[in-house]
Amino acid sequence: MKKRCLILVGFLIAATPAFASESVFRCGSNIVQKGDSMGTVQTKCGEPMIKNAITTGGGTTVRQEVWYYNCGDGNFNYMLTFWGMTLEDIKRTDERGSGVADWNKAR
């Protein structure tokens, strides 16, 4: 009985979705990770469906960009945040994609 409970608990922990930041993002057969440049991400994953840019001031000017990738029919979309030109954060959104994934569109 103990063994079954442990297996069940292990399964539930593994099946719980991770809403925290992730360290990698898979776009098709490519993987990008925190620390990659904008150029690397765009080369591997293509043009995102949306790009939002914010420039922050206060002594030093830093540009923040958030890219939203449509991951295709039924798959969760992802939000990638860049500070300067470097990928700093990867998060899965609550929204599901539709149609063709951004990296499968003609470039």
Protein backbone atom coordinates (compact mmCIF):
# COMPACT_ATOMS: atom_id res chain seq x y z
CA MET A 1 0.00 0.00 0.00
CA LYS A 2 2.83 2.41 0.88
CA LYS A 3 4.50 1.72 -2.44
CA ARG A 4 1.30 2.55 -4.37
CA CYS A 5 0.85 5.80 -2.44
CA LEU A 6 4.45 6.83 -3.15
CA ILE A 7 4.03 6.05 -6.83
CA LEU A 8 0.78 8.06 -6.93
CA VAL A 9 2.37 11.05 -5.16
CA GLY A 10 5.35 10.91 -7.51
CA PHE A 11 3.04 10.85 -10.53
CA LEU A 12 0.99 13.80 -9.26
CA ILE A 13 4.12 15.88 -8.65
CA ALA A 14 5.45 15.07 -12.12
CA ALA A 15 2.08 15.84 -13.74
CA THR A 16 1.65 19.23 -12.04
CA PRO A 17 2.17 21.99 -14.60
CA ALA A 18 5.08 24.32 -13.98
CA PHE A 19 3.86 27.89 -13.99
CA ALA A 20 7.19 29.28 -12.85
CA SER A 21 9.86 30.45 -15.21
CA GLU A 22 11.44 27.80 -17.35
CA SER A 23 15.06 27.63 -18.43
CA VAL A 24 14.53 26.34 -21.98
CA PHE A 25 12.01 26.70 -24.80
CA ARG A 26 11.62 24.14 -27.57
CA CYS A 27 10.57 25.50 -30.94
CA GLY A 28 10.24 22.59 -33.32
CA SER A 29 13.51 20.64 -33.22
CA ASN A 30 15.45 23.64 -31.83
CA ILE A 31 15.99 24.64 -28.22
CA VAL A 32 16.71 28.12 -26.91
CA GLN A 33 17.65 28.93 -23.35
CA LYS A 34 18.14 31.80 -20.98
CA GLY A 35 21.25 33.74 -21.96
CA ASP A 36 20.73 33.29 -25.73
CA SER A 37 20.73 36.40 -27.90
CA MET A 38 17.71 37.77 -29.78
CA GLY A 39 19.40 36.79 -33.02
CA THR A 40 19.85 33.19 -31.91
CA VAL A 41 16.22 32.94 -30.80
CA GLN A 42 14.91 34.45 -34.03
CA THR A 43 17.14 32.19 -36.15
CA LYS A 44 15.98 29.06 -34.32
CA CYS A 45 12.33 29.96 -33.68
CA GLY A 46 11.41 32.40 -36.43
CA GLU A 47 9.40 35.59 -36.09
CA PRO A 48 7.10 35.60 -33.04
CA MET A 49 3.41 36.40 -33.47
CA ILE A 50 3.77 39.49 -31.22
CA LYS A 51 6.68 41.65 -30.06
CA ASN A 52 6.24 44.26 -27.33
CA ALA A 53 9.09 46.66 -26.54
CA ILE A 54 9.57 48.88 -23.50
CA THR A 55 12.50 51.20 -22.90
CA THR A 56 13.32 51.87 -19.27
CA GLY A 57 15.21 54.94 -18.08
CA GLY A 58 16.66 55.98 -14.77
CA GLY A 59 20.36 56.56 -15.29
CA THR A 60 20.92 53.77 -17.77
CA THR A 61 18.57 52.97 -20.62
CA VAL A 62 17.69 49.31 -21.01
CA ARG A 63 15.37 47.96 -23.64
CA GLN A 64 13.03 45.16 -22.62
CA GLU A 65 11.23 43.14 -25.27
CA VAL A 66 8.62 40.46 -24.76
CA TRP A 67 8.07 38.01 -27.62
CA TYR A 68 4.95 35.81 -27.77
CA TYR A 69 5.21 32.56 -29.71
CA ASN A 70 2.18 30.71 -31.09
CA CYS A 71 3.10 27.06 -30.55
CA GLY A 72 0.42 25.66 -32.87
CA ASP A 73 -2.96 23.96 -32.50
CA GLY A 74 -3.69 22.96 -28.92
CA ASN A 75 -0.22 23.68 -27.53
CA PHE A 76 0.42 26.30 -24.86
CA ASN A 77 1.94 29.53 -26.14
CA TYR A 78 5.14 30.95 -24.66
CA MET A 79 6.33 34.39 -23.64
CA LEU A 80 10.06 35.13 -23.90
CA THR A 81 11.43 38.24 -22.18
CA PHE A 82 14.65 39.92 -23.27
CA TRP A 83 16.62 42.55 -21.37
CA GLY A 84 18.89 44.34 -23.76
CA MET A 85 19.58 41.70 -26.37
CA THR A 86 19.64 38.70 -24.00
CA LEU A 87 16.88 36.17 -23.24
CA GLU A 88 16.23 36.49 -19.51
CA ASP A 89 12.90 34.74 -18.89
CA ILE A 90 10.76 32.01 -20.47
CA LYS A 91 7.17 31.46 -19.37
CA ARG A 92 4.33 29.29 -20.61
CA THR A 93 1.08 31.22 -20.97
CA ASP A 94 -2.42 29.99 -20.17
CA GLU A 95 -3.42 30.44 -23.82
CA ARG A 96 -3.34 27.71 -26.43
CA GLY A 97 -2.06 28.22 -29.94
CA SER A 98 -3.95 27.88 -33.17
CA GLY A 99 -2.98 27.07 -36.70
CA VAL A 100 0.67 26.59 -37.64
CA ALA A 101 3.39 27.18 -35.03
CA ASP A 102 5.42 30.35 -35.64
CA TRP A 103 8.64 28.43 -36.38
CA ASN A 104 6.90 26.37 -39.08
CA LYS A 105 5.78 29.41 -41.05
CA ALA A 106 7.67 30.39 -44.19
CA ARG A 107 10.59 32.65 -43.37
